Amino acid sequence: MNDAGNAEAGDCVKKSSSALDDGLEVVDCGGGDAQYKVSQVHNGTSDTSVCSAGEDAYVKTVHRRRRADTAMVLCLTPTK
């Protein structure tokens, strides 16, 4: 699955046009679709201050079936 919940540092993402996902989609960094590069992933928090100045912070809630939901913050740098 290519949603933001599976993103890792170094991955590229774009804003998704699908209403079924959470707003970001992992894409190929070499393609023309990449809008941001993930510089850091912080699991277990929704505190956007973990990202450096000049980076965009994206909060993703990860829904778990049998466990409590968790949050993660992706720190994003624009690719363009």
PDB file of N, CA and C in Angstrom:
ATOM      1  N   MET A   1       0.837  -1.183   0.000  1.00  0.00           N
ATOM      2  CA  MET A   1       0.000   0.000   0.000  1.00  0.00           C
ATOM      3  C   MET A   1       0.884   1.250   0.000  1.00  0.00           C
ATOM      4  N   ASN A   2       0.489   2.278  -0.694  1.00  0.00           N
ATOM      5  CA  ASN A   2       1.330   3.455  -0.858  1.00  0.00           C
ATOM      6  C   ASN A   2       0.891   4.644  -0.024  1.00  0.00           C
ATOM      7  N   ASP A   3       0.184   4.424   1.068  1.00  0.00           N
ATOM      8  CA  ASP A   3      -0.252   5.568   1.857  1.00  0.00           C
ATOM      9  C   ASP A   3       0.856   6.030   2.802  1.00  0.00           C
ATOM     10  N   ALA A   4       0.643   7.169   3.403  1.00  0.00           N
ATOM     11  CA  ALA A   4       1.667   7.788   4.244  1.00  0.00           C
ATOM     12  C   ALA A   4       2.039   6.954   5.462  1.00  0.00           C
ATOM     13  N   GLY A   5       1.184   6.070   5.899  1.00  0.00           N
ATOM     14  CA  GLY A   5       1.488   5.217   7.046  1.00  0.00           C
ATOM     15  C   GLY A   5       2.642   4.272   6.797  1.00  0.00           C
ATOM     16  N   ASN A   6       2.989   4.046   5.538  1.00  0.00           N
ATOM     17  CA  ASN A   6       4.094   3.161   5.181  1.00  0.00           C
ATOM     18  C   ASN A   6       5.349   3.919   4.778  1.00  0.00           C
ATOM     19  N   ALA A   7       5.321   5.244   4.850  1.00  0.00           N
ATOM     20  CA  ALA A   7       6.455   6.058   4.408  1.00  0.00           C
ATOM     21  C   ALA A   7       7.633   5.918   5.364  1.00  0.00           C
ATOM     22  N   GLU A   8       8.825   5.986   4.777  1.00  0.00           N
ATOM     23  CA  GLU A   8      10.064   5.957   5.543  1.00  0.00           C
ATOM     24  C   GLU A   8      10.914   7.147   5.133  1.00  0.00           C
ATOM     25  N   ALA A   9      11.886   7.497   5.962  1.00  0.00           N
ATOM     26  CA  ALA A   9      12.803   8.584   5.620  1.00  0.00           C
ATOM     27  C   ALA A   9      13.459   8.276   4.280  1.00  0.00           C
ATOM     28  N   GLY A  10      13.494   9.269   3.407  1.00  0.00           N
ATOM     29  CA  GLY A  10      14.058   9.103   2.078  1.00  0.00           C
ATOM     30  C   GLY A  10      13.009   8.863   1.003  1.00  0.00           C
ATOM     31  N   ASP A  11      11.795   8.474   1.408  1.00  0.00           N
ATOM     32  CA  ASP A  11      10.703   8.288   0.448  1.00  0.00           C
ATOM     33  C   ASP A  11      10.201   9.633  -0.049  1.00  0.00           C
ATOM     34  N   CYS A  12       9.585   9.629  -1.216  1.00  0.00           N
ATOM     35  CA  CYS A  12       8.935  10.828  -1.746  1.00  0.00           C
ATOM     36  C   CYS A  12       7.434  10.630  -1.711  1.00  0.00           C
ATOM     37  N   VAL A  13       6.720  11.729  -1.520  1.00  0.00           N
ATOM     38  CA  VAL A  13       5.262  11.672  -1.437  1.00  0.00           C
ATOM     39  C   VAL A  13       4.649  12.791  -2.258  1.00  0.00           C
ATOM     40  N   LYS A  14       3.384  12.611  -2.569  1.00  0.00           N
ATOM     41  CA  LYS A  14       2.609  13.656  -3.227  1.00  0.00           C
ATOM     42  C   LYS A  14       1.254  13.723  -2.553  1.00  0.00           C
ATOM     43  N   LYS A  15       0.597  14.848  -2.710  1.00  0.00           N
ATOM     44  CA  LYS A  15      -0.765  14.983  -2.222  1.00  0.00           C
ATOM     45  C   LYS A  15      -1.644  14.130  -3.109  1.00  0.00           C
ATOM     46  N   SER A  16      -2.461  13.326  -2.480  1.00  0.00           N
ATOM     47  CA  SER A  16      -3.287  12.394  -3.233  1.00  0.00           C
ATOM     48  C   SER A  16      -4.625  13.032  -3.590  1.00  0.00           C
ATOM     49  N   SER A  17      -5.136  12.661  -4.730  1.00  0.00           N
ATOM     50  CA  SER A  17      -6.444  13.163  -5.163  1.00  0.00           C
ATOM     51  C   SER A  17      -7.559  12.203  -4.800  1.00  0.00           C
ATOM     52  N   SER A  18      -7.221  11.068  -4.198  1.00  0.00           N
ATOM     53  CA  SER A  18      -8.226  10.074  -3.840  1.00  0.00           C
ATOM     54  C   SER A  18      -8.891  10.426  -2.518  1.00  0.00           C
ATOM     55  N   ALA A  19     -10.200  10.340  -2.502  1.00  0.00           N
ATOM     56  CA  ALA A  19     -10.941  10.617  -1.269  1.00  0.00           C
ATOM     57  C   ALA A  19     -10.877   9.439  -0.303  1.00  0.00           C
ATOM     58  N   LEU A  20     -10.323   8.323  -0.743  1.00  0.00           N
ATOM     59  CA  LEU A  20     -10.300   7.126   0.090  1.00  0.00           C
ATOM     60  C   LEU A  20      -9.092   7.054   1.008  1.00  0.00           C
ATOM     61  N   ASP A  21      -8.101   7.882   0.787  1.00  0.00           N
ATOM     62  CA  ASP A  21      -6.909   7.802   1.624  1.00  0.00           C
ATOM     63  C   ASP A  21      -6.776   9.030   2.503  1.00  0.00           C
ATOM     64  N   ASP A  22      -5.611   9.186   3.095  1.00  0.00           N
ATOM     65  CA  ASP A  22      -5.404  10.218   4.113  1.00  0.00           C
ATOM     66  C   ASP A  22      -4.788  11.502   3.591  1.00  0.00           C
ATOM     67  N   GLY A  23      -4.538  11.602   2.296  1.00  0.00           N
ATOM     68  CA  GLY A  23      -4.033  12.852   1.763  1.00  0.00           C
ATOM     69  C   GLY A  23      -2.650  12.804   1.165  1.00  0.00           C
ATOM     70  N   LEU A  24      -1.812  11.847   1.554  1.00  0.00           N
ATOM     71  CA  LEU A  24      -0.477  11.715   0.974  1.00  0.00           C
ATOM     72  C   LEU A  24      -0.299  10.301   0.433  1.00  0.00           C
ATOM     73  N   GLU A  25       0.456  10.209  -0.647  1.00  0.00           N
ATOM     74  CA  GLU A  25       0.729   8.930  -1.283  1.00  0.00           C
ATOM     75  C   GLU A  25       2.219   8.832  -1.567  1.00  0.00           C
ATOM     76  N   VAL A  26       2.830   7.692  -1.261  1.00  0.00           N
ATOM     77  CA  VAL A  26       4.243   7.468  -1.548  1.00  0.00           C
ATOM     78  C   VAL A  26       4.399   7.260  -3.057  1.00  0.00           C
ATOM     79  N   VAL A  27       5.364   7.981  -3.659  1.00  0.00           N
ATOM     80  CA  VAL A  27       5.606   7.898  -5.103  1.00  0.00           C
ATOM     81  C   VAL A  27       7.100   7.733  -5.367  1.00  0.00           C
ATOM     82  N   ASP A  28       7.446   7.424  -6.595  1.00  0.00           N
ATOM     83  CA  ASP A  28       8.835   7.279  -7.026  1.00  0.00           C
ATOM     84  C   ASP A  28       9.513   8.648  -7.019  1.00  0.00           C
ATOM     85  N   CYS A  29      10.662   8.746  -6.379  1.00  0.00           N
ATOM     86  CA  CYS A  29      11.383  10.026  -6.311  1.00  0.00           C
ATOM     87  C   CYS A  29      11.872  10.475  -7.683  1.00  0.00           C
ATOM     88  N   GLY A  30      12.080   9.551  -8.596  1.00  0.00           N
ATOM     89  CA  GLY A  30      12.562   9.893  -9.925  1.00  0.00           C
ATOM     90  C   GLY A  30      11.472  10.361 -10.866  1.00  0.00           C
ATOM     91  N   GLY A  31      10.232  10.165 -10.478  1.00  0.00           N
ATOM     92  CA  GLY A  31       9.110  10.576 -11.323  1.00  0.00           C
ATOM     93  C   GLY A  31       8.770  12.034 -11.106  1.00  0.00           C
ATOM     94  N   GLY A  32       7.939  12.554 -11.959  1.00  0.00           N
ATOM     95  CA  GLY A  32       7.546  13.955 -11.863  1.00  0.00           C
ATOM     96  C   GLY A  32       6.471  14.237 -10.834  1.00  0.00           C
ATOM     97  N   ASP A  33       5.953  13.182 -10.186  1.00  0.00           N
ATOM     98  CA  ASP A  33       4.855  13.366  -9.227  1.00  0.00           C
ATOM     99  C   ASP A  33       5.314  13.794  -7.840  1.00  0.00           C
ATOM    100  N   ALA A  34       6.559  13.536  -7.503  1.00  0.00           N
ATOM    101  CA  ALA A  34       7.042  13.789  -6.141  1.00  0.00           C
ATOM    102  C   ALA A  34       6.954  15.280  -5.801  1.00  0.00           C
ATOM    103  N   GLN A  35       6.282  15.576  -4.693  1.00  0.00           N
ATOM    104  CA  GLN A  35       6.166  16.957  -4.220  1.00  0.00           C
ATOM    105  C   GLN A  35       7.002  17.201  -2.971  1.00  0.00           C
ATOM    106  N   TYR A  36       7.184  16.160  -2.151  1.00  0.00           N
ATOM    107  CA  TYR A  36       7.933  16.267  -0.904  1.00  0.00           C
ATOM    108  C   TYR A  36       8.805  15.038  -0.724  1.00  0.00           C
ATOM    109  N   LYS A  37       9.907  15.226   0.011  1.00  0.00           N
ATOM    110  CA  LYS A  37      10.746  14.103   0.426  1.00  0.00           C
ATOM    111  C   LYS A  37      10.625  13.988   1.938  1.00  0.00           C
ATOM    112  N   VAL A  38      10.448  12.773   2.421  1.00  0.00           N
ATOM    113  CA  VAL A  38      10.329  12.531   3.857  1.00  0.00           C
ATOM    114  C   VAL A  38      11.728  12.567   4.454  1.00  0.00           C
ATOM    115  N   SER A  39      11.966  13.520   5.353  1.00  0.00           N
ATOM    116  CA  SER A  39      13.289  13.622   5.968  1.00  0.00           C
ATOM    117  C   SER A  39      13.357  12.826   7.273  1.00  0.00           C
ATOM    118  N   GLN A  40      12.233  12.750   7.990  1.00  0.00           N
ATOM    119  CA  GLN A  40      12.194  12.026   9.258  1.00  0.00           C
ATOM    120  C   GLN A  40      10.786  11.471   9.472  1.00  0.00           C
ATOM    121  N   VAL A  41      10.719  10.347  10.191  1.00  0.00           N
ATOM    122  CA  VAL A  41       9.450   9.772  10.609  1.00  0.00           C
ATOM    123  C   VAL A  41       9.501   9.616  12.123  1.00  0.00           C
ATOM    124  N   HIS A  42       8.512  10.164  12.804  1.00  0.00           N
ATOM    125  CA  HIS A  42       8.441  10.071  14.262  1.00  0.00           C
ATOM    126  C   HIS A  42       7.167   9.313  14.630  1.00  0.00           C
ATOM    127  N   ASN A  43       7.339   8.079  15.092  1.00  0.00           N
ATOM    128  CA  ASN A  43       6.197   7.253  15.474  1.00  0.00           C
ATOM    129  C   ASN A  43       5.784   7.528  16.915  1.00  0.00           C
ATOM    130  N   GLY A  44       4.494   7.369  17.191  1.00  0.00           N
ATOM    131  CA  GLY A  44       4.001   7.496  18.552  1.00  0.00           C
ATOM    132  C   GLY A  44       3.794   8.914  19.024  1.00  0.00           C
ATOM    133  N   THR A  45       3.731   9.871  18.101  1.00  0.00           N
ATOM    134  CA  THR A  45       3.507  11.265  18.485  1.00  0.00           C
ATOM    135  C   THR A  45       2.684  11.977  17.427  1.00  0.00           C
ATOM    136  N   SER A  46       2.028  13.042  17.854  1.00  0.00           N
ATOM    137  CA  SER A  46       1.363  13.943  16.908  1.00  0.00           C
ATOM    138  C   SER A  46       1.905  15.357  17.073  1.00  0.00           C
ATOM    139  N   ASP A  47       3.040  15.477  17.770  1.00  0.00           N
ATOM    140  CA  ASP A  47       3.677  16.765  18.043  1.00  0.00           C
ATOM    141  C   ASP A  47       4.483  17.209  16.831  1.00  0.00           C
ATOM    142  N   THR A  48       3.985  18.212  16.118  1.00  0.00           N
ATOM    143  CA  THR A  48       4.643  18.673  14.892  1.00  0.00           C
ATOM    144  C   THR A  48       5.935  19.446  15.155  1.00  0.00           C
ATOM    145  N   SER A  49       6.209  19.791  16.410  1.00  0.00           N
ATOM    146  CA  SER A  49       7.451  20.516  16.711  1.00  0.00           C
ATOM    147  C   SER A  49       8.690  19.622  16.593  1.00  0.00           C
ATOM    148  N   VAL A  50       8.505  18.322  16.365  1.00  0.00           N
ATOM    149  CA  VAL A  50       9.654  17.430  16.189  1.00  0.00           C
ATOM    150  C   VAL A  50      10.354  17.682  14.847  1.00  0.00           C
ATOM    151  N   CYS A  51       9.684  18.371  13.939  1.00  0.00           N
ATOM    152  CA  CYS A  51      10.278  18.695  12.638  1.00  0.00           C
ATOM    153  C   CYS A  51      11.072  19.993  12.735  1.00  0.00           C
ATOM    154  N   SER A  52      12.106  20.083  11.925  1.00  0.00           N
ATOM    155  CA  SER A  52      12.962  21.266  11.917  1.00  0.00           C
ATOM    156  C   SER A  52      12.254  22.460  11.287  1.00  0.00           C
ATOM    157  N   ALA A  53      12.746  23.649  11.587  1.00  0.00           N
ATOM    158  CA  ALA A  53      12.218  24.864  10.959  1.00  0.00           C
ATOM    159  C   ALA A  53      12.392  24.752   9.447  1.00  0.00           C
ATOM    160  N   GLY A  54      11.400  25.147   8.707  1.00  0.00           N
ATOM    161  CA  GLY A  54      11.462  25.076   7.253  1.00  0.00           C
ATOM    162  C   GLY A  54      10.910  23.789   6.675  1.00  0.00           C
ATOM    163  N   GLU A  55      10.643  22.814   7.530  1.00  0.00           N
ATOM    164  CA  GLU A  55      10.040  21.568   7.074  1.00  0.00           C
ATOM    165  C   GLU A  55       8.538  21.614   7.316  1.00  0.00           C
ATOM    166  N   ASP A  56       7.795  20.956   6.453  1.00  0.00           N
ATOM    167  CA  ASP A  56       6.366  20.785   6.681  1.00  0.00           C
ATOM    168  C   ASP A  56       6.178  19.537   7.537  1.00  0.00           C
ATOM    169  N   ALA A  57       5.202  19.579   8.427  1.00  0.00           N
ATOM    170  CA  ALA A  57       4.892  18.422   9.268  1.00  0.00           C
ATOM    171  C   ALA A  57       3.532  17.875   8.853  1.00  0.00           C
ATOM    172  N   TYR A  58       3.464  16.577   8.707  1.00  0.00           N
ATOM    173  CA  TYR A  58       2.226  15.907   8.344  1.00  0.00           C
ATOM    174  C   TYR A  58       1.921  14.877   9.414  1.00  0.00           C
ATOM    175  N   VAL A  59       0.749  14.974  10.040  1.00  0.00           N
ATOM    176  CA  VAL A  59       0.359  14.043  11.094  1.00  0.00           C
ATOM    177  C   VAL A  59      -0.542  12.972  10.492  1.00  0.00           C
ATOM    178  N   LYS A  60      -0.212  11.738  10.750  1.00  0.00           N
ATOM    179  CA  LYS A  60      -0.974  10.598  10.255  1.00  0.00           C
ATOM    180  C   LYS A  60      -1.412   9.776  11.447  1.00  0.00           C
ATOM    181  N   THR A  61      -2.716   9.489  11.538  1.00  0.00           N
ATOM    182  CA  THR A  61      -3.220   8.581  12.550  1.00  0.00           C
ATOM    183  C   THR A  61      -3.295   7.200  11.930  1.00  0.00           C
ATOM    184  N   VAL A  62      -2.651   6.247  12.580  1.00  0.00           N
ATOM    185  CA  VAL A  62      -2.638   4.877  12.090  1.00  0.00           C
ATOM    186  C   VAL A  62      -3.692   4.100  12.859  1.00  0.00           C
ATOM    187  N   HIS A  63      -4.685   3.632  12.148  1.00  0.00           N
ATOM    188  CA  HIS A  63      -5.783   2.895  12.777  1.00  0.00           C
ATOM    189  C   HIS A  63      -5.418   1.420  12.892  1.00  0.00           C
ATOM    190  N   ARG A  64      -5.557   0.911  14.074  1.00  0.00           N
ATOM    191  CA  ARG A  64      -5.249  -0.499  14.353  1.00  0.00           C
ATOM    192  C   ARG A  64      -6.560  -1.235  14.625  1.00  0.00           C
ATOM    193  N   ARG A  65      -6.661  -2.451  14.172  1.00  0.00           N
ATOM    194  CA  ARG A  65      -7.900  -3.213  14.344  1.00  0.00           C
ATOM    195  C   ARG A  65      -8.109  -3.653  15.785  1.00  0.00           C
ATOM    196  N   ARG A  66      -7.082  -4.181  16.402  1.00  0.00           N
ATOM    197  CA  ARG A  66      -7.256  -4.749  17.737  1.00  0.00           C
ATOM    198  C   ARG A  66      -6.480  -4.010  18.819  1.00  0.00           C
ATOM    199  N   ARG A  67      -5.806  -2.947  18.399  1.00  0.00           N
ATOM    200  CA  ARG A  67      -5.041  -2.151  19.367  1.00  0.00           C
ATOM    201  C   ARG A  67      -5.458  -0.700  19.245  1.00  0.00           C
ATOM    202  N   ALA A  68      -4.996   0.100  20.176  1.00  0.00           N
ATOM    203  CA  ALA A  68      -5.325   1.531  20.146  1.00  0.00           C
ATOM    204  C   ALA A  68      -4.682   2.193  18.929  1.00  0.00           C
ATOM    205  N   ASP A  69      -5.359   3.211  18.393  1.00  0.00           N
ATOM    206  CA  ASP A  69      -4.796   3.983  17.286  1.00  0.00           C
ATOM    207  C   ASP A  69      -3.520   4.676  17.741  1.00  0.00           C
ATOM    208  N   THR A  70      -2.584   4.838  16.838  1.00  0.00           N
ATOM    209  CA  THR A  70      -1.351   5.553  17.132  1.00  0.00           C
ATOM    210  C   THR A  70      -1.166   6.670  16.115  1.00  0.00           C
ATOM    211  N   ALA A  71      -0.325   7.600  16.442  1.00  0.00           N
ATOM    212  CA  ALA A  71      -0.063   8.726  15.538  1.00  0.00           C
ATOM    213  C   ALA A  71       1.396   8.689  15.124  1.00  0.00           C
ATOM    214  N   MET A  72       1.657   9.336  13.988  1.00  0.00           N
ATOM    215  CA  MET A  72       3.026   9.495  13.524  1.00  0.00           C
ATOM    216  C   MET A  72       3.132  10.832  12.829  1.00  0.00           C
ATOM    217  N   VAL A  73       4.322  11.409  12.862  1.00  0.00           N
ATOM    218  CA  VAL A  73       4.582  12.683  12.199  1.00  0.00           C
ATOM    219  C   VAL A  73       5.631  12.438  11.121  1.00  0.00           C
ATOM    220  N   LEU A  74       5.323  12.888   9.902  1.00  0.00           N
ATOM    221  CA  LEU A  74       6.286  12.866   8.811  1.00  0.00           C
ATOM    222  C   LEU A  74       6.809  14.283   8.636  1.00  0.00           C
ATOM    223  N   CYS A  75       8.129  14.443   8.641  1.00  0.00           N
ATOM    224  CA  CYS A  75       8.740  15.738   8.359  1.00  0.00           C
ATOM    225  C   CYS A  75       9.067  15.772   6.870  1.00  0.00           C
ATOM    226  N   LEU A  76       8.575  16.785   6.184  1.00  0.00           N
ATOM    227  CA  LEU A  76       8.642  16.843   4.731  1.00  0.00           C
ATOM    228  C   LEU A  76       9.409  18.058   4.243  1.00  0.00           C
ATOM    229  N   THR A  77      10.261  17.840   3.232  1.00  0.00           N
ATOM    230  CA  THR A  77      10.927  18.960   2.570  1.00  0.00           C
ATOM    231  C   THR A  77      10.447  18.983   1.124  1.00  0.00           C
ATOM    232  N   PRO A  78      10.120  20.183   0.596  1.00  0.00           N
ATOM    233  CA  PRO A  78       9.642  20.263  -0.786  1.00  0.00           C
ATOM    234  C   PRO A  78      10.723  19.799  -1.764  1.00  0.00           C
ATOM    235  N   THR A  79      10.298  19.110  -2.819  1.00  0.00           N
ATOM    236  CA  THR A  79      11.247  18.644  -3.834  1.00  0.00           C
ATOM    237  C   THR A  79      11.385  19.640  -4.977  1.00  0.00           C
ATOM    238  N   LYS A  80      10.523  20.638  -5.036  1.00  0.00           N
ATOM    239  CA  LYS A  80      10.548  21.609  -6.149  1.00  0.00           C
ATOM    240  C   LYS A  80      10.731  23.010  -5.643  1.00  0.00           C
TER     241      LYS A  80
END
